[in-house]
Amino acid sequence: MRHISKRFDATQALDDVSLSLYPGEVHALIGENGAGKSTLIKILTGIYQLDQGEILLDGNPITIRNSQEAQAHGIAAIYQEPMVFPDLNVAENIFISHRDFGPLVNWNRMYDEAERILARLDVRLDVRQPARGLTLAAQQAVEIAKAISLDVRVLIMDEPTASLSAHEVDQLFQIVRTLKNAGVSILFIGHRLEEVFAIADKITVLRDGKWISTRPRSEATIEQVIREMVGREVEDFFAKSKTTQGELLLSVHDLGREGAFEGISFDLHRGEVLG
């Protein structure tokens, strides 16, 4: 993407932003709310049209006017809330965007192909299972499998870890590494900087619709990118203040649930923030 600009009435959402992706690379895009990340994604996926600039694929200019054209160029996106059809099974969701099955569906072929794609991702799911019963992490895996079935070249991941547990994040990152090794370019949008630094090869910072920096992860620090995101020095995110402990409002002692947790105890006082 070269010199991309986009305006909505009086709001300049993107102002001369450039971004390059390479095969087998995880490129993180970070910035505060309103930095322009979502607008950039929507231009790449054909939801918005750019006002100025150009998008090149393999060095050749392309036009993306809708999601079908994005798909034809091998560009796909998965979001924080996966868009699966709950009443369809896993295989049907994976191949929902395909038009090459004709009026009669070869179910055995579809199930075999779905199992093959999931095996590539090292994901174990029953392809005949309705999507309604899947965890959020499993739904994201189905969305990624759908993208692979469409020969994805550029996969945009828009805050995919926001609602996942730590274990599910680890599973997702293993899938990301598998895609990376297969040569897929991944644009990873996230707010949790420790996760960005764990998975990204490069990091680009946007602020107020403008490009601020792009650098290899090995040359970046969390303090540096935070400073670039907010545009100032940030010495103390949670400044300490003197408070007087109030009355005891809630007391929990030795709380437990079989198979989940045990031995949880804490007290909460009025006017207190308990982490």
C-alpha atoms as a PDB file:
ATOM      1  CA  MET A   1       0.000   0.000   0.000  1.00  0.00           C
ATOM      2  CA  ARG A   2       1.517   3.296  -1.096  1.00  0.00           C
ATOM      3  CA  HIS A   3       0.542   6.800   0.023  1.00  0.00           C
ATOM      4  CA  ILE A   4      -2.994   5.798   1.042  1.00  0.00           C
ATOM      5  CA  SER A   5      -5.330   8.626   2.022  1.00  0.00           C
ATOM      6  CA  LYS A   6      -8.992   8.499   3.000  1.00  0.00           C
ATOM      7  CA  ARG A   7     -11.290  11.289   4.180  1.00  0.00           C
ATOM      8  CA  PHE A   8     -14.787  11.157   5.661  1.00  0.00           C
ATOM      9  CA  ASP A   9     -16.258  14.658   5.409  1.00  0.00           C
ATOM     10  CA  ALA A  10     -14.058  16.793   7.679  1.00  0.00           C
ATOM     11  CA  THR A  11     -12.218  13.804   9.177  1.00  0.00           C
ATOM     12  CA  GLN A  12      -8.927  12.718   7.618  1.00  0.00           C
ATOM     13  CA  ALA A  13      -8.965   9.023   8.541  1.00  0.00           C
ATOM     14  CA  LEU A  14      -5.746   8.165   6.673  1.00  0.00           C
ATOM     15  CA  ASP A  15      -3.114  10.611   5.505  1.00  0.00           C
ATOM     16  CA  ASP A  16      -0.366   9.348   3.160  1.00  0.00           C
ATOM     17  CA  VAL A  17       0.061   5.929   4.801  1.00  0.00           C
ATOM     18  CA  SER A  18       2.366   3.331   3.243  1.00  0.00           C
ATOM     19  CA  LEU A  19       2.715  -0.292   4.317  1.00  0.00           C
ATOM     20  CA  SER A  20       4.517  -3.275   2.770  1.00  0.00           C
ATOM     21  CA  LEU A  21       3.905  -6.982   3.410  1.00  0.00           C
ATOM     22  CA  TYR A  22       6.197  -9.833   2.422  1.00  0.00           C
ATOM     23  CA  PRO A  23       5.510 -13.569   2.054  1.00  0.00           C
ATOM     24  CA  GLY A  24       5.933 -15.513   5.269  1.00  0.00           C
ATOM     25  CA  GLU A  25       5.928 -12.370   7.412  1.00  0.00           C
ATOM     26  CA  VAL A  26       3.814 -11.362  10.394  1.00  0.00           C
ATOM     27  CA  HIS A  27       3.479  -7.583  10.261  1.00  0.00           C
ATOM     28  CA  ALA A  28       1.818  -5.987  13.292  1.00  0.00           C
ATOM     29  CA  LEU A  29      -0.209  -2.802  12.874  1.00  0.00           C
ATOM     30  CA  ILE A  30      -0.725  -0.927  16.130  1.00  0.00           C
ATOM     31  CA  GLY A  31      -2.099   2.395  17.291  1.00  0.00           C
ATOM     32  CA  GLU A  32      -4.651   3.909  19.624  1.00  0.00           C
ATOM     33  CA  ASN A  33      -8.348   3.972  18.790  1.00  0.00           C
ATOM     34  CA  GLY A  34      -8.838   6.362  15.893  1.00  0.00           C
ATOM     35  CA  ALA A  35      -5.318   5.829  14.559  1.00  0.00           C
ATOM     36  CA  GLY A  36      -6.652   4.556  11.218  1.00  0.00           C
ATOM     37  CA  LYS A  37      -6.175   0.808  11.560  1.00  0.00           C
ATOM     38  CA  SER A  38      -9.792  -0.135  10.826  1.00  0.00           C
ATOM     39  CA  THR A  39      -9.976   2.200   7.838  1.00  0.00           C
ATOM     40  CA  LEU A  40      -6.848   0.636   6.372  1.00  0.00           C
ATOM     41  CA  ILE A  41      -8.303  -2.854   6.825  1.00  0.00           C
ATOM     42  CA  LYS A  42     -11.571  -1.858   5.179  1.00  0.00           C
ATOM     43  CA  ILE A  43      -9.718  -0.457   2.181  1.00  0.00           C
ATOM     44  CA  LEU A  44      -7.748  -3.692   1.824  1.00  0.00           C
ATOM     45  CA  THR A  45     -10.921  -5.775   2.006  1.00  0.00           C
ATOM     46  CA  GLY A  46     -12.939  -3.614  -0.395  1.00  0.00           C
ATOM     47  CA  ILE A  47     -15.380  -2.121   2.103  1.00  0.00           C
ATOM     48  CA  TYR A  48     -13.996   1.393   1.597  1.00  0.00           C
ATOM     49  CA  GLN A  49     -12.441   2.886  -1.516  1.00  0.00           C
ATOM     50  CA  LEU A  50      -9.234   4.865  -1.165  1.00  0.00           C
ATOM     51  CA  ASP A  51      -9.187   8.550  -2.118  1.00  0.00           C
ATOM     52  CA  GLN A  52      -5.509   8.653  -3.007  1.00  0.00           C
ATOM     53  CA  GLY A  53      -2.674   6.176  -3.301  1.00  0.00           C
ATOM     54  CA  GLU A  54      -2.410   2.678  -4.718  1.00  0.00           C
ATOM     55  CA  ILE A  55      -2.375  -0.970  -3.736  1.00  0.00           C
ATOM     56  CA  LEU A  56       0.137  -3.249  -5.430  1.00  0.00           C
ATOM     57  CA  LEU A  57       0.264  -7.049  -5.467  1.00  0.00           C
ATOM     58  CA  ASP A  58       3.472  -8.634  -6.767  1.00  0.00           C
ATOM     59  CA  GLY A  59       4.461  -5.139  -7.868  1.00  0.00           C
ATOM     60  CA  ASN A  60       1.354  -4.652 -10.015  1.00  0.00           C
ATOM     61  CA  PRO A  61      -1.384  -2.102  -9.177  1.00  0.00           C
ATOM     62  CA  ILE A  62      -4.734  -3.661  -8.285  1.00  0.00           C
ATOM     63  CA  THR A  63      -8.201  -2.293  -7.584  1.00  0.00           C
ATOM     64  CA  ILE A  64     -10.298  -3.641  -4.719  1.00  0.00           C
ATOM     65  CA  ARG A  65     -13.883  -2.418  -5.010  1.00  0.00           C
ATOM     66  CA  ASN A  66     -15.608  -5.105  -2.958  1.00  0.00           C
ATOM     67  CA  SER A  67     -14.998  -8.219  -0.888  1.00  0.00           C
ATOM     68  CA  GLN A  68     -15.243 -10.475  -3.943  1.00  0.00           C
ATOM     69  CA  GLU A  69     -12.350  -8.654  -5.597  1.00  0.00           C
ATOM     70  CA  ALA A  70     -10.332  -8.849  -2.383  1.00  0.00           C
ATOM     71  CA  GLN A  71     -11.002 -12.596  -2.278  1.00  0.00           C
ATOM     72  CA  ALA A  72      -9.968 -12.960  -5.921  1.00  0.00           C
ATOM     73  CA  HIS A  73      -6.628 -11.352  -5.051  1.00  0.00           C
ATOM     74  CA  GLY A  74      -6.126 -13.738  -2.126  1.00  0.00           C
ATOM     75  CA  ILE A  75      -6.882 -11.193   0.606  1.00  0.00           C
ATOM     76  CA  ALA A  76      -8.987 -12.325   3.572  1.00  0.00           C
ATOM     77  CA  ALA A  77      -9.721 -11.084   7.082  1.00  0.00           C
ATOM     78  CA  ILE A  78     -10.739 -12.624  10.377  1.00  0.00           C
ATOM     79  CA  TYR A  79     -12.104 -10.546  13.211  1.00  0.00           C
ATOM     80  CA  GLN A  80     -12.454 -10.563  16.968  1.00  0.00           C
ATOM     81  CA  GLU A  81     -15.931 -12.071  16.577  1.00  0.00           C
ATOM     82  CA  PRO A  82     -15.784 -14.819  13.900  1.00  0.00           C
ATOM     83  CA  MET A  83     -18.522 -14.745  11.282  1.00  0.00           C
ATOM     84  CA  VAL A  84     -19.582 -18.379  11.156  1.00  0.00           C
ATOM     85  CA  PHE A  85     -23.045 -19.721  10.396  1.00  0.00           C
ATOM     86  CA  PRO A  86     -24.143 -21.518  13.576  1.00  0.00           C
ATOM     87  CA  ASP A  87     -26.587 -23.890  11.873  1.00  0.00           C
ATOM     88  CA  LEU A  88     -24.038 -25.084   9.303  1.00  0.00           C
ATOM     89  CA  ASN A  89     -21.393 -27.632  10.156  1.00  0.00           C
ATOM     90  CA  VAL A  90     -17.646 -26.989  10.176  1.00  0.00           C
ATOM     91  CA  ALA A  91     -17.067 -28.172   6.599  1.00  0.00           C
ATOM     92  CA  GLU A  92     -19.972 -26.127   5.239  1.00  0.00           C
ATOM     93  CA  ASN A  93     -18.614 -23.017   6.931  1.00  0.00           C
ATOM     94  CA  ILE A  94     -15.161 -23.603   5.471  1.00  0.00           C
ATOM     95  CA  PHE A  95     -16.507 -23.870   1.924  1.00  0.00           C
ATOM     96  CA  ILE A  96     -19.414 -21.428   2.172  1.00  0.00           C
ATOM     97  CA  SER A  97     -17.747 -18.985  -0.244  1.00  0.00           C
ATOM     98  CA  HIS A  98     -16.958 -21.575  -2.918  1.00  0.00           C
ATOM     99  CA  ARG A  99     -18.915 -21.679  -6.139  1.00  0.00           C
ATOM    100  CA  ASP A 100     -17.255 -24.675  -7.745  1.00  0.00           C
ATOM    101  CA  PHE A 101     -19.393 -27.367  -6.119  1.00  0.00           C
ATOM    102  CA  GLY A 102     -22.295 -26.858  -8.487  1.00  0.00           C
ATOM    103  CA  PRO A 103     -25.970 -27.446  -7.663  1.00  0.00           C
ATOM    104  CA  LEU A 104     -25.169 -30.886  -6.227  1.00  0.00           C
ATOM    105  CA  VAL A 105     -22.728 -31.020  -3.327  1.00  0.00           C
ATOM    106  CA  ASN A 106     -20.210 -33.850  -3.164  1.00  0.00           C
ATOM    107  CA  TRP A 107     -20.350 -34.193   0.594  1.00  0.00           C
ATOM    108  CA  ASN A 108     -17.568 -36.752   0.877  1.00  0.00           C
ATOM    109  CA  ARG A 109     -15.246 -34.536  -1.138  1.00  0.00           C
ATOM    110  CA  MET A 110     -16.111 -31.508   0.992  1.00  0.00           C
ATOM    111  CA  TYR A 111     -15.552 -33.361   4.255  1.00  0.00           C
ATOM    112  CA  ASP A 112     -12.243 -34.786   3.018  1.00  0.00           C
ATOM    113  CA  GLU A 113     -11.025 -31.355   1.901  1.00  0.00           C
ATOM    114  CA  ALA A 114     -12.094 -29.760   5.183  1.00  0.00           C
ATOM    115  CA  GLU A 115     -10.231 -32.406   7.181  1.00  0.00           C
ATOM    116  CA  ARG A 116      -7.142 -31.925   5.009  1.00  0.00           C
ATOM    117  CA  ILE A 117      -7.109 -28.153   5.568  1.00  0.00           C
ATOM    118  CA  LEU A 118      -7.621 -28.470   9.321  1.00  0.00           C
ATOM    119  CA  ALA A 119      -4.837 -31.061   9.461  1.00  0.00           C
ATOM    120  CA  ARG A 120      -2.495 -28.532   7.820  1.00  0.00           C
ATOM    121  CA  LEU A 121      -3.267 -26.203  10.708  1.00  0.00           C
ATOM    122  CA  ASP A 122      -2.917 -29.013  13.263  1.00  0.00           C
ATOM    123  CA  VAL A 123      -6.505 -28.318  14.354  1.00  0.00           C
ATOM    124  CA  ARG A 124      -8.647 -31.211  15.533  1.00  0.00           C
ATOM    125  CA  LEU A 125     -12.329 -30.631  14.836  1.00  0.00           C
ATOM    126  CA  ASP A 126     -15.190 -32.841  13.715  1.00  0.00           C
ATOM    127  CA  VAL A 127     -15.990 -31.365  10.297  1.00  0.00           C
ATOM    128  CA  ARG A 128     -19.588 -32.628  10.608  1.00  0.00           C
ATOM    129  CA  GLN A 129     -20.130 -30.796  13.897  1.00  0.00           C
ATOM    130  CA  PRO A 130     -22.490 -27.780  13.831  1.00  0.00           C
ATOM    131  CA  ALA A 131     -20.631 -24.510  14.355  1.00  0.00           C
ATOM    132  CA  ARG A 132     -23.096 -23.527  17.070  1.00  0.00           C
ATOM    133  CA  GLY A 133     -21.256 -25.597  19.667  1.00  0.00           C
ATOM    134  CA  LEU A 134     -17.735 -24.403  18.854  1.00  0.00           C
ATOM    135  CA  THR A 135     -15.617 -22.320  21.184  1.00  0.00           C
ATOM    136  CA  LEU A 136     -14.555 -18.879  20.001  1.00  0.00           C
ATOM    137  CA  ALA A 137     -11.042 -20.168  19.333  1.00  0.00           C
ATOM    138  CA  ALA A 138     -12.416 -23.055  17.251  1.00  0.00           C
ATOM    139  CA  GLN A 139     -14.593 -20.639  15.275  1.00  0.00           C
ATOM    140  CA  GLN A 140     -11.499 -18.575  14.475  1.00  0.00           C
ATOM    141  CA  ALA A 141      -9.742 -21.736  13.302  1.00  0.00           C
ATOM    142  CA  VAL A 142     -12.688 -22.403  10.979  1.00  0.00           C
ATOM    143  CA  GLU A 143     -12.409 -18.848   9.619  1.00  0.00           C
ATOM    144  CA  ILE A 144      -8.694 -19.348   8.968  1.00  0.00           C
ATOM    145  CA  ALA A 145      -9.410 -22.687   7.285  1.00  0.00           C
ATOM    146  CA  LYS A 146     -11.970 -20.916   5.083  1.00  0.00           C
ATOM    147  CA  ALA A 147      -9.293 -18.414   4.044  1.00  0.00           C
ATOM    148  CA  ILE A 148      -6.870 -21.239   3.219  1.00  0.00           C
ATOM    149  CA  SER A 149      -9.535 -22.953   1.111  1.00  0.00           C
ATOM    150  CA  LEU A 150      -9.669 -19.743  -0.956  1.00  0.00           C
ATOM    151  CA  ASP A 151      -5.872 -19.749  -1.474  1.00  0.00           C
ATOM    152  CA  VAL A 152      -5.254 -16.823   0.845  1.00  0.00           C
ATOM    153  CA  ARG A 153      -2.053 -14.858   0.285  1.00  0.00           C
ATOM    154  CA  VAL A 154      -2.666 -11.992   2.694  1.00  0.00           C
ATOM    155  CA  LEU A 155      -4.516 -12.732   5.939  1.00  0.00           C
ATOM    156  CA  ILE A 156      -5.645  -9.782   8.040  1.00  0.00           C
ATOM    157  CA  MET A 157      -6.193 -10.630  11.712  1.00  0.00           C
ATOM    158  CA  ASP A 158      -8.106  -7.847  13.454  1.00  0.00           C
ATOM    159  CA  GLU A 159      -7.638  -8.169  17.220  1.00  0.00           C
ATOM    160  CA  PRO A 160      -8.129 -11.950  17.107  1.00  0.00           C
ATOM    161  CA  THR A 161      -6.914 -12.507  20.680  1.00  0.00           C
ATOM    162  CA  ALA A 162      -9.191  -9.989  22.414  1.00  0.00           C
ATOM    163  CA  SER A 163     -11.645 -12.604  23.735  1.00  0.00           C
ATOM    164  CA  LEU A 164      -9.312 -15.605  24.002  1.00  0.00           C
ATOM    165  CA  SER A 165      -7.769 -17.220  27.058  1.00  0.00           C
ATOM    166  CA  ALA A 166      -3.982 -17.450  27.367  1.00  0.00           C
ATOM    167  CA  HIS A 167      -4.074 -21.095  26.249  1.00  0.00           C
ATOM    168  CA  GLU A 168      -6.243 -20.243  23.244  1.00  0.00           C
ATOM    169  CA  VAL A 169      -3.858 -17.422  22.299  1.00  0.00           C
ATOM    170  CA  ASP A 170      -1.001 -19.940  22.293  1.00  0.00           C
ATOM    171  CA  GLN A 171      -3.020 -22.214  20.002  1.00  0.00           C
ATOM    172  CA  LEU A 172      -3.824 -19.330  17.665  1.00  0.00           C
ATOM    173  CA  PHE A 173      -0.184 -18.261  17.497  1.00  0.00           C
ATOM    174  CA  GLN A 174       0.799 -21.813  16.560  1.00  0.00           C
ATOM    175  CA  ILE A 175      -1.627 -21.581  13.631  1.00  0.00           C
ATOM    176  CA  VAL A 176      -0.127 -18.198  12.705  1.00  0.00           C
ATOM    177  CA  ARG A 177       3.357 -19.721  12.647  1.00  0.00           C
ATOM    178  CA  THR A 178       2.094 -22.544  10.435  1.00  0.00           C
ATOM    179  CA  LEU A 179       0.652 -20.016   7.977  1.00  0.00           C
ATOM    180  CA  LYS A 180       3.866 -18.010   8.092  1.00  0.00           C
ATOM    181  CA  ASN A 181       5.910 -21.097   7.243  1.00  0.00           C
ATOM    182  CA  ALA A 182       3.557 -21.718   4.301  1.00  0.00           C
ATOM    183  CA  GLY A 183       4.381 -18.272   2.899  1.00  0.00           C
ATOM    184  CA  VAL A 184       1.193 -16.433   3.875  1.00  0.00           C
ATOM    185  CA  SER A 185       1.570 -12.711   4.656  1.00  0.00           C
ATOM    186  CA  ILE A 186      -0.187 -11.819   7.897  1.00  0.00           C
ATOM    187  CA  LEU A 187      -1.274  -8.339   8.957  1.00  0.00           C
ATOM    188  CA  PHE A 188      -1.845  -8.592  12.709  1.00  0.00           C
ATOM    189  CA  ILE A 189      -3.785  -5.850  14.489  1.00  0.00           C
ATOM    190  CA  GLY A 190      -3.601  -5.965  18.256  1.00  0.00           C
ATOM    191  CA  HIS A 191      -3.684  -3.877  21.426  1.00  0.00           C
ATOM    192  CA  ARG A 192      -1.820  -6.253  23.717  1.00  0.00           C
ATOM    193  CA  LEU A 193       1.769  -5.267  23.076  1.00  0.00           C
ATOM    194  CA  GLU A 194       3.266  -8.327  24.762  1.00  0.00           C
ATOM    195  CA  GLU A 195       1.403 -10.476  22.213  1.00  0.00           C
ATOM    196  CA  VAL A 196       2.494  -8.227  19.342  1.00  0.00           C
ATOM    197  CA  PHE A 197       6.120  -8.599  20.382  1.00  0.00           C
ATOM    198  CA  ALA A 198       5.678 -12.362  20.754  1.00  0.00           C
ATOM    199  CA  ILE A 199       4.390 -12.984  17.218  1.00  0.00           C
ATOM    200  CA  ALA A 200       5.378 -10.094  14.917  1.00  0.00           C
ATOM    201  CA  ASP A 201       8.374  -9.864  12.610  1.00  0.00           C
ATOM    202  CA  LYS A 202       7.790  -6.160  11.940  1.00  0.00           C
ATOM    203  CA  ILE A 203       5.785  -3.480  13.728  1.00  0.00           C
ATOM    204  CA  THR A 204       4.134  -0.441  12.151  1.00  0.00           C
ATOM    205  CA  VAL A 205       2.723   2.355  14.304  1.00  0.00           C
ATOM    206  CA  LEU A 206      -0.111   4.638  13.174  1.00  0.00           C
ATOM    207  CA  ARG A 207      -1.230   7.771  14.995  1.00  0.00           C
ATOM    208  CA  ASP A 208      -4.062  10.115  14.010  1.00  0.00           C
ATOM    209  CA  GLY A 209      -4.264   8.563  10.551  1.00  0.00           C
ATOM    210  CA  LYS A 210      -0.559   9.007   9.837  1.00  0.00           C
ATOM    211  CA  TRP A 211       2.304   6.556   9.487  1.00  0.00           C
ATOM    212  CA  ILE A 212       4.747   7.009  12.360  1.00  0.00           C
ATOM    213  CA  SER A 213       7.239   4.156  12.082  1.00  0.00           C
ATOM    214  CA  THR A 214       7.984   0.686  10.756  1.00  0.00           C
ATOM    215  CA  ARG A 215      10.801  -1.379  12.197  1.00  0.00           C
ATOM    216  CA  PRO A 216      11.769  -5.011  12.832  1.00  0.00           C
ATOM    217  CA  ARG A 217      10.540  -6.322  16.147  1.00  0.00           C
ATOM    218  CA  SER A 218      14.156  -6.969  17.171  1.00  0.00           C
ATOM    219  CA  GLU A 219      14.846  -3.221  16.933  1.00  0.00           C
ATOM    220  CA  ALA A 220      11.731  -2.100  18.822  1.00  0.00           C
ATOM    221  CA  THR A 221      10.867  -1.811  22.491  1.00  0.00           C
ATOM    222  CA  ILE A 222       7.466  -1.638  24.127  1.00  0.00           C
ATOM    223  CA  GLU A 223       8.296   1.755  25.654  1.00  0.00           C
ATOM    224  CA  GLN A 224       9.291   3.079  22.237  1.00  0.00           C
ATOM    225  CA  VAL A 225       6.121   2.011  20.431  1.00  0.00           C
ATOM    226  CA  ILE A 226       3.918   3.289  23.271  1.00  0.00           C
ATOM    227  CA  ARG A 227       5.621   6.668  22.981  1.00  0.00           C
ATOM    228  CA  GLU A 228       5.004   6.675  19.231  1.00  0.00           C
ATOM    229  CA  MET A 229       1.377   5.598  19.641  1.00  0.00           C
ATOM    230  CA  VAL A 230       0.496   8.412  22.046  1.00  0.00           C
ATOM    231  CA  GLY A 231       2.914  11.062  20.733  1.00  0.00           C
ATOM    232  CA  ARG A 232       4.522  11.880  24.062  1.00  0.00           C
ATOM    233  CA  GLU A 233       6.634  10.462  26.840  1.00  0.00           C
ATOM    234  CA  VAL A 234       4.662   8.195  29.142  1.00  0.00           C
ATOM    235  CA  GLU A 235       6.465   7.816  32.444  1.00  0.00           C
ATOM    236  CA  ASP A 236       3.729   6.316  34.557  1.00  0.00           C
ATOM    237  CA  PHE A 237       0.500   4.793  33.225  1.00  0.00           C
ATOM    238  CA  PHE A 238      -1.033   4.348  36.662  1.00  0.00           C
ATOM    239  CA  ALA A 239       0.247   7.117  38.881  1.00  0.00           C
ATOM    240  CA  LYS A 240       0.156   6.205  42.559  1.00  0.00           C
ATOM    241  CA  SER A 241      -1.968   8.335  44.834  1.00  0.00           C
ATOM    242  CA  LYS A 242      -2.411   8.218  48.571  1.00  0.00           C
ATOM    243  CA  THR A 243      -5.772   6.833  49.611  1.00  0.00           C
ATOM    244  CA  THR A 244      -7.415   5.912  52.861  1.00  0.00           C
ATOM    245  CA  GLN A 245      -8.654   2.344  53.012  1.00  0.00           C
ATOM    246  CA  GLY A 246     -12.423   2.247  53.443  1.00  0.00           C
ATOM    247  CA  GLU A 247     -14.663  -0.268  55.123  1.00  0.00           C
ATOM    248  CA  LEU A 248     -14.614  -3.931  54.122  1.00  0.00           C
ATOM    249  CA  LEU A 249     -17.312  -4.558  51.500  1.00  0.00           C
ATOM    250  CA  LEU A 250     -16.558  -8.049  50.212  1.00  0.00           C
ATOM    251  CA  SER A 251     -14.597 -10.933  51.646  1.00  0.00           C
ATOM    252  CA  VAL A 252     -13.967 -14.218  49.855  1.00  0.00           C
ATOM    253  CA  HIS A 253     -12.318 -17.133  51.656  1.00  0.00           C
ATOM    254  CA  ASP A 254     -11.083 -20.407  50.177  1.00  0.00           C
ATOM    255  CA  LEU A 255     -13.386 -20.243  47.134  1.00  0.00           C
ATOM    256  CA  GLY A 256     -13.184 -23.162  44.719  1.00  0.00           C
ATOM    257  CA  ARG A 257     -14.873 -25.015  41.896  1.00  0.00           C
ATOM    258  CA  GLU A 258     -13.989 -28.600  41.076  1.00  0.00           C
ATOM    259  CA  GLY A 259     -11.731 -28.836  38.039  1.00  0.00           C
ATOM    260  CA  ALA A 260     -11.495 -25.061  37.625  1.00  0.00           C
ATOM    261  CA  PHE A 261      -9.875 -23.314  40.605  1.00  0.00           C
ATOM    262  CA  GLU A 262      -9.396 -23.630  44.356  1.00  0.00           C
ATOM    263  CA  GLY A 263      -8.155 -21.774  47.410  1.00  0.00           C
ATOM    264  CA  ILE A 264      -9.142 -18.271  46.261  1.00  0.00           C
ATOM    265  CA  SER A 265      -9.285 -15.679  49.055  1.00  0.00           C
ATOM    266  CA  PHE A 266      -9.379 -11.874  48.972  1.00  0.00           C
ATOM    267  CA  ASP A 267     -10.890  -8.799  50.625  1.00  0.00           C
ATOM    268  CA  LEU A 268     -12.282  -5.733  48.851  1.00  0.00           C
ATOM    269  CA  HIS A 269     -12.631  -2.381  50.624  1.00  0.00           C
ATOM    270  CA  ARG A 270     -14.648   0.700  49.706  1.00  0.00           C
ATOM    271  CA  GLY A 271     -12.763   2.976  47.287  1.00  0.00           C
ATOM    272  CA  GLU A 272     -10.211   0.287  46.460  1.00  0.00           C
ATOM    273  CA  VAL A 273      -9.143  -0.982  43.029  1.00  0.00           C
ATOM    274  CA  LEU A 274      -8.303  -4.673  43.359  1.00  0.00           C
ATOM    275  CA  GLY A 275      -6.367  -6.284  40.524  1.00  0.00           C
END
